Amino acid sequence: MKLEVIMAGFGGQGIMLMGEILAHSAMVEGKEVSWIPSYGPEMRGGTANCMVVISDRRIPSPIISSPDVLVAMNKPSMEKFMPFVKKGGLAVLNMDLIDKALEKDGVEMIKINAIKIADEIGNIKAANMVALGVVVGKTGIVKPDTVLKSIDYFLPEHRKAMYEINEKAFKKGLEIVK
């Protein structure tokens, strides 16, 4: 078992946090993990992406050239990474910031309105947790309960009030793929 994931979007959308939570959850479950962040010229508003590799064996290289899963939270990210998604792979697209999805033969598309869903829950900053819920629900790569513990682990003390919103957003993502 090996899953390679690229998560991408604008800085400030919680892309790195989403990747850290996924990687941490897999590590807690005893899997081999790598997480590589990549920031654009600005942290807020610039581009950001991260690569997460989860495996039951040693990971020979943390660099991903052809992901199994793409999470694209905006149009530039979709345009940049969609051509590289493996046949049989998955693309989770945030349609709130993508006007038209790039279709690719052999790639399953899950189109969500992550920002709208997060806003309805109580805070648009939880859009990343909606997308993470979709990935975890669809792939089963880690247990949802482990992810919820990792969300709590990564929330700093002054943001603990956001746990409930993040939990609801993550669970909404899980529901989307049931």
C-alpha atoms as a PDB file:
ATOM      1  CA  MET A   1       0.000   0.000   0.000  1.00  0.00           C
ATOM      2  CA  LYS A   2       1.329   3.391  -1.003  1.00  0.00           C
ATOM      3  CA  LEU A   3      -0.555   6.637  -1.544  1.00  0.00           C
ATOM      4  CA  GLU A   4       0.969   9.781  -3.012  1.00  0.00           C
ATOM      5  CA  VAL A   5      -0.975  13.005  -2.482  1.00  0.00           C
ATOM      6  CA  ILE A   6      -0.422  16.547  -3.704  1.00  0.00           C
ATOM      7  CA  MET A   7      -2.429  19.247  -1.949  1.00  0.00           C
ATOM      8  CA  ALA A   8      -2.324  22.715  -3.477  1.00  0.00           C
ATOM      9  CA  GLY A   9      -3.944  26.119  -3.288  1.00  0.00           C
ATOM     10  CA  PHE A  10      -3.380  29.724  -2.291  1.00  0.00           C
ATOM     11  CA  GLY A  11      -1.306  30.554   0.763  1.00  0.00           C
ATOM     12  CA  GLY A  12      -3.649  31.038   3.696  1.00  0.00           C
ATOM     13  CA  GLN A  13      -6.024  28.216   2.691  1.00  0.00           C
ATOM     14  CA  GLY A  14      -4.480  25.799   5.184  1.00  0.00           C
ATOM     15  CA  ILE A  15      -2.788  23.622   2.582  1.00  0.00           C
ATOM     16  CA  MET A  16       0.244  22.852   4.761  1.00  0.00           C
ATOM     17  CA  LEU A  17      -1.938  22.149   7.782  1.00  0.00           C
ATOM     18  CA  MET A  18      -4.074  19.750   5.752  1.00  0.00           C
ATOM     19  CA  GLY A  19      -0.928  17.875   4.660  1.00  0.00           C
ATOM     20  CA  GLU A  20       0.553  17.872   8.161  1.00  0.00           C
ATOM     21  CA  ILE A  21      -2.640  16.464   9.648  1.00  0.00           C
ATOM     22  CA  LEU A  22      -2.798  13.688   7.040  1.00  0.00           C
ATOM     23  CA  ALA A  23       0.894  12.839   7.488  1.00  0.00           C
ATOM     24  CA  HIS A  24       0.680  12.930  11.286  1.00  0.00           C
ATOM     25  CA  SER A  25      -2.402  10.705  11.282  1.00  0.00           C
ATOM     26  CA  ALA A  26      -0.615   8.109   9.153  1.00  0.00           C
ATOM     27  CA  MET A  27       2.469   8.283  11.372  1.00  0.00           C
ATOM     28  CA  VAL A  28       0.348   7.764  14.508  1.00  0.00           C
ATOM     29  CA  GLU A  29      -1.105   4.664  12.825  1.00  0.00           C
ATOM     30  CA  GLY A  30       2.414   3.289  12.305  1.00  0.00           C
ATOM     31  CA  LYS A  31       2.740   3.967   8.591  1.00  0.00           C
ATOM     32  CA  GLU A  32       5.816   5.315   6.814  1.00  0.00           C
ATOM     33  CA  VAL A  33       5.306   8.974   5.936  1.00  0.00           C
ATOM     34  CA  SER A  34       6.915  11.893   4.169  1.00  0.00           C
ATOM     35  CA  TRP A  35       5.620  15.468   3.994  1.00  0.00           C
ATOM     36  CA  ILE A  36       7.254  18.149   1.869  1.00  0.00           C
ATOM     37  CA  PRO A  37       5.944  21.722   1.888  1.00  0.00           C
ATOM     38  CA  SER A  38       6.465  24.155  -0.989  1.00  0.00           C
ATOM     39  CA  TYR A  39       5.613  27.824  -0.690  1.00  0.00           C
ATOM     40  CA  GLY A  40       5.282  30.409  -3.423  1.00  0.00           C
ATOM     41  CA  PRO A  41       6.767  33.904  -3.080  1.00  0.00           C
ATOM     42  CA  GLU A  42       4.237  34.890  -0.422  1.00  0.00           C
ATOM     43  CA  MET A  43       2.752  32.865   2.375  1.00  0.00           C
ATOM     44  CA  ARG A  44      -0.641  34.576   2.222  1.00  0.00           C
ATOM     45  CA  GLY A  45      -2.056  34.838  -1.266  1.00  0.00           C
ATOM     46  CA  GLY A  46       0.863  33.183  -3.073  1.00  0.00           C
ATOM     47  CA  THR A  47       0.760  29.567  -4.128  1.00  0.00           C
ATOM     48  CA  ALA A  48       1.390  26.735  -1.729  1.00  0.00           C
ATOM     49  CA  ASN A  49       1.479  22.992  -2.107  1.00  0.00           C
ATOM     50  CA  CYS A  50       2.678  19.985  -0.220  1.00  0.00           C
ATOM     51  CA  MET A  51       3.451  16.405  -1.062  1.00  0.00           C
ATOM     52  CA  VAL A  52       2.434  13.623   1.299  1.00  0.00           C
ATOM     53  CA  VAL A  53       3.494  10.032   0.758  1.00  0.00           C
ATOM     54  CA  ILE A  54       2.020   7.321   2.977  1.00  0.00           C
ATOM     55  CA  SER A  55       3.206   3.733   2.720  1.00  0.00           C
ATOM     56  CA  ASP A  56       3.447   0.474   4.609  1.00  0.00           C
ATOM     57  CA  ARG A  57       7.074   0.215   3.399  1.00  0.00           C
ATOM     58  CA  ARG A  58      10.054   2.530   3.416  1.00  0.00           C
ATOM     59  CA  ILE A  59       9.620   5.500   1.108  1.00  0.00           C
ATOM     60  CA  PRO A  60      12.547   5.637  -1.323  1.00  0.00           C
ATOM     61  CA  SER A  61      11.797   9.197  -2.479  1.00  0.00           C
ATOM     62  CA  PRO A  62       9.461  11.811  -1.031  1.00  0.00           C
ATOM     63  CA  ILE A  63       9.177  13.613  -4.373  1.00  0.00           C
ATOM     64  CA  ILE A  64       5.939  12.986  -6.259  1.00  0.00           C
ATOM     65  CA  SER A  65       5.869  13.284 -10.026  1.00  0.00           C
ATOM     66  CA  SER A  66       2.551  11.512 -10.611  1.00  0.00           C
ATOM     67  CA  PRO A  67       0.179  11.639  -7.628  1.00  0.00           C
ATOM     68  CA  ASP A  68      -2.558   9.151  -6.815  1.00  0.00           C
ATOM     69  CA  VAL A  69      -4.578  11.998  -5.308  1.00  0.00           C
ATOM     70  CA  LEU A  70      -4.708  15.705  -6.068  1.00  0.00           C
ATOM     71  CA  VAL A  71      -6.472  18.205  -3.850  1.00  0.00           C
ATOM     72  CA  ALA A  72      -6.758  21.466  -5.793  1.00  0.00           C
ATOM     73  CA  MET A  73      -8.231  24.304  -3.781  1.00  0.00           C
ATOM     74  CA  ASN A  74      -7.977  26.801  -6.661  1.00  0.00           C
ATOM     75  CA  LYS A  75      -7.784  26.950 -10.446  1.00  0.00           C
ATOM     76  CA  PRO A  76      -4.010  27.568 -10.802  1.00  0.00           C
ATOM     77  CA  SER A  77      -3.317  24.496  -8.663  1.00  0.00           C
ATOM     78  CA  MET A  78      -5.663  22.349 -10.721  1.00  0.00           C
ATOM     79  CA  GLU A  79      -4.070  23.554 -13.959  1.00  0.00           C
ATOM     80  CA  LYS A  80      -0.554  22.921 -12.656  1.00  0.00           C
ATOM     81  CA  PHE A  81      -1.010  19.439 -11.193  1.00  0.00           C
ATOM     82  CA  MET A  82      -3.990  17.779 -12.948  1.00  0.00           C
ATOM     83  CA  PRO A  83      -1.958  16.678 -15.985  1.00  0.00           C
ATOM     84  CA  PHE A  84       0.217  14.559 -13.693  1.00  0.00           C
ATOM     85  CA  VAL A  85      -2.464  12.646 -11.758  1.00  0.00           C
ATOM     86  CA  LYS A  86      -2.138   8.895 -12.332  1.00  0.00           C
ATOM     87  CA  LYS A  87      -4.702   7.005 -14.368  1.00  0.00           C
ATOM     88  CA  GLY A  88      -7.030   5.494 -11.795  1.00  0.00           C
ATOM     89  CA  GLY A  89      -6.293   8.428  -9.496  1.00  0.00           C
ATOM     90  CA  LEU A  90      -8.508  10.903  -7.706  1.00  0.00           C
ATOM     91  CA  ALA A  91      -8.870  14.679  -7.983  1.00  0.00           C
ATOM     92  CA  VAL A  92     -10.696  16.604  -5.274  1.00  0.00           C
ATOM     93  CA  LEU A  93     -11.541  20.019  -6.688  1.00  0.00           C
ATOM     94  CA  ASN A  94     -12.781  23.046  -4.773  1.00  0.00           C
ATOM     95  CA  MET A  95     -15.272  24.401  -7.294  1.00  0.00           C
ATOM     96  CA  ASP A  96     -15.707  27.635  -5.327  1.00  0.00           C
ATOM     97  CA  LEU A  97     -12.430  28.820  -6.915  1.00  0.00           C
ATOM     98  CA  ILE A  98     -12.470  26.745 -10.101  1.00  0.00           C
ATOM     99  CA  ASP A  99     -14.825  27.885 -12.832  1.00  0.00           C
ATOM    100  CA  LYS A 100     -14.385  24.796 -15.029  1.00  0.00           C
ATOM    101  CA  ALA A 101     -12.765  21.502 -14.103  1.00  0.00           C
ATOM    102  CA  LEU A 102     -10.010  20.098 -16.286  1.00  0.00           C
ATOM    103  CA  GLU A 103     -11.239  16.641 -17.204  1.00  0.00           C
ATOM    104  CA  LYS A 104      -8.716  13.825 -17.446  1.00  0.00           C
ATOM    105  CA  ASP A 105      -9.477  10.318 -18.671  1.00  0.00           C
ATOM    106  CA  GLY A 106      -9.116   7.688 -15.987  1.00  0.00           C
ATOM    107  CA  VAL A 107      -9.167  10.177 -13.096  1.00  0.00           C
ATOM    108  CA  GLU A 108     -12.141  10.247 -10.750  1.00  0.00           C
ATOM    109  CA  MET A 109     -13.244  13.790  -9.984  1.00  0.00           C
ATOM    110  CA  ILE A 110     -14.938  14.809  -6.776  1.00  0.00           C
ATOM    111  CA  LYS A 111     -16.118  18.373  -7.156  1.00  0.00           C
ATOM    112  CA  ILE A 112     -16.954  20.119  -3.909  1.00  0.00           C
ATOM    113  CA  ASN A 113     -17.809  23.621  -2.781  1.00  0.00           C
ATOM    114  CA  ALA A 114     -15.483  23.504   0.201  1.00  0.00           C
ATOM    115  CA  ILE A 115     -15.633  27.222   0.996  1.00  0.00           C
ATOM    116  CA  LYS A 116     -19.422  27.332   0.826  1.00  0.00           C
ATOM    117  CA  ILE A 117     -19.709  24.245   3.039  1.00  0.00           C
ATOM    118  CA  ALA A 118     -17.228  25.652   5.556  1.00  0.00           C
ATOM    119  CA  ASP A 119     -19.063  28.982   5.589  1.00  0.00           C
ATOM    120  CA  GLU A 120     -22.346  27.201   6.328  1.00  0.00           C
ATOM    121  CA  ILE A 121     -20.617  25.389   9.204  1.00  0.00           C
ATOM    122  CA  GLY A 122     -19.323  28.648  10.632  1.00  0.00           C
ATOM    123  CA  ASN A 123     -15.910  29.621   9.200  1.00  0.00           C
ATOM    124  CA  ILE A 124     -14.546  29.575   5.634  1.00  0.00           C
ATOM    125  CA  LYS A 125     -11.096  28.740   7.018  1.00  0.00           C
ATOM    126  CA  ALA A 126     -12.347  25.183   7.582  1.00  0.00           C
ATOM    127  CA  ALA A 127     -12.620  24.563   3.808  1.00  0.00           C
ATOM    128  CA  ASN A 128      -9.366  22.599   3.978  1.00  0.00           C
ATOM    129  CA  MET A 129     -10.922  20.215   6.511  1.00  0.00           C
ATOM    130  CA  VAL A 130     -13.860  19.565   4.161  1.00  0.00           C
ATOM    131  CA  ALA A 131     -11.381  18.568   1.441  1.00  0.00           C
ATOM    132  CA  LEU A 132      -9.375  16.452   3.886  1.00  0.00           C
ATOM    133  CA  GLY A 133     -12.564  14.638   4.895  1.00  0.00           C
ATOM    134  CA  VAL A 134     -13.236  13.806   1.251  1.00  0.00           C
ATOM    135  CA  VAL A 135      -9.710  12.399   0.789  1.00  0.00           C
ATOM    136  CA  VAL A 136      -9.824  10.304   3.960  1.00  0.00           C
ATOM    137  CA  GLY A 137     -13.371   9.120   3.289  1.00  0.00           C
ATOM    138  CA  LYS A 138     -12.628   8.132  -0.293  1.00  0.00           C
ATOM    139  CA  THR A 139      -9.200   6.525   0.179  1.00  0.00           C
ATOM    140  CA  GLY A 140      -9.526   5.085   3.695  1.00  0.00           C
ATOM    141  CA  ILE A 141      -5.780   5.684   4.068  1.00  0.00           C
ATOM    142  CA  VAL A 142      -6.199   6.609   7.740  1.00  0.00           C
ATOM    143  CA  LYS A 143      -8.982   6.307  10.295  1.00  0.00           C
ATOM    144  CA  PRO A 144     -11.231   9.352  10.747  1.00  0.00           C
ATOM    145  CA  ASP A 145     -10.794   9.222  14.533  1.00  0.00           C
ATOM    146  CA  THR A 146      -7.031   9.468  14.112  1.00  0.00           C
ATOM    147  CA  VAL A 147      -7.476  12.548  11.925  1.00  0.00           C
ATOM    148  CA  LEU A 148      -9.706  14.194  14.522  1.00  0.00           C
ATOM    149  CA  LYS A 149      -7.004  13.647  17.162  1.00  0.00           C
ATOM    150  CA  SER A 150      -4.408  15.093  14.782  1.00  0.00           C
ATOM    151  CA  ILE A 151      -6.568  18.171  14.153  1.00  0.00           C
ATOM    152  CA  ASP A 152      -6.651  18.755  17.900  1.00  0.00           C
ATOM    153  CA  TYR A 153      -2.890  18.136  18.133  1.00  0.00           C
ATOM    154  CA  PHE A 154      -2.074  20.773  15.511  1.00  0.00           C
ATOM    155  CA  LEU A 155      -4.422  23.486  16.741  1.00  0.00           C
ATOM    156  CA  PRO A 156      -2.471  25.972  18.861  1.00  0.00           C
ATOM    157  CA  GLU A 157      -3.909  26.827  22.257  1.00  0.00           C
ATOM    158  CA  HIS A 158      -5.310  30.164  21.044  1.00  0.00           C
ATOM    159  CA  ARG A 159      -7.203  28.368  18.223  1.00  0.00           C
ATOM    160  CA  LYS A 160      -8.741  25.518  20.260  1.00  0.00           C
ATOM    161  CA  ALA A 161     -12.159  27.144  19.807  1.00  0.00           C
ATOM    162  CA  MET A 162     -11.858  26.222  16.106  1.00  0.00           C
ATOM    163  CA  TYR A 163     -11.757  22.490  16.876  1.00  0.00           C
ATOM    164  CA  GLU A 164     -15.534  22.041  16.756  1.00  0.00           C
ATOM    165  CA  ILE A 165     -15.839  23.816  13.386  1.00  0.00           C
ATOM    166  CA  ASN A 166     -12.910  21.825  11.970  1.00  0.00           C
ATOM    167  CA  GLU A 167     -14.447  18.602  13.256  1.00  0.00           C
ATOM    168  CA  LYS A 168     -17.798  19.400  11.628  1.00  0.00           C
ATOM    169  CA  ALA A 169     -16.085  20.375   8.359  1.00  0.00           C
ATOM    170  CA  PHE A 170     -14.027  17.166   8.309  1.00  0.00           C
ATOM    171  CA  LYS A 171     -17.102  15.036   9.012  1.00  0.00           C
ATOM    172  CA  LYS A 172     -19.012  16.860   6.254  1.00  0.00           C
ATOM    173  CA  GLY A 173     -16.215  15.886   3.847  1.00  0.00           C
ATOM    174  CA  LEU A 174     -16.555  12.262   4.960  1.00  0.00           C
ATOM    175  CA  GLU A 175     -20.320  12.413   4.326  1.00  0.00           C
ATOM    176  CA  ILE A 176     -19.811  13.697   0.778  1.00  0.00           C
ATOM    177  CA  VAL A 177     -18.214  10.406  -0.283  1.00  0.00           C
ATOM    178  CA  LYS A 178     -20.489   7.998   1.603  1.00  0.00           C
END
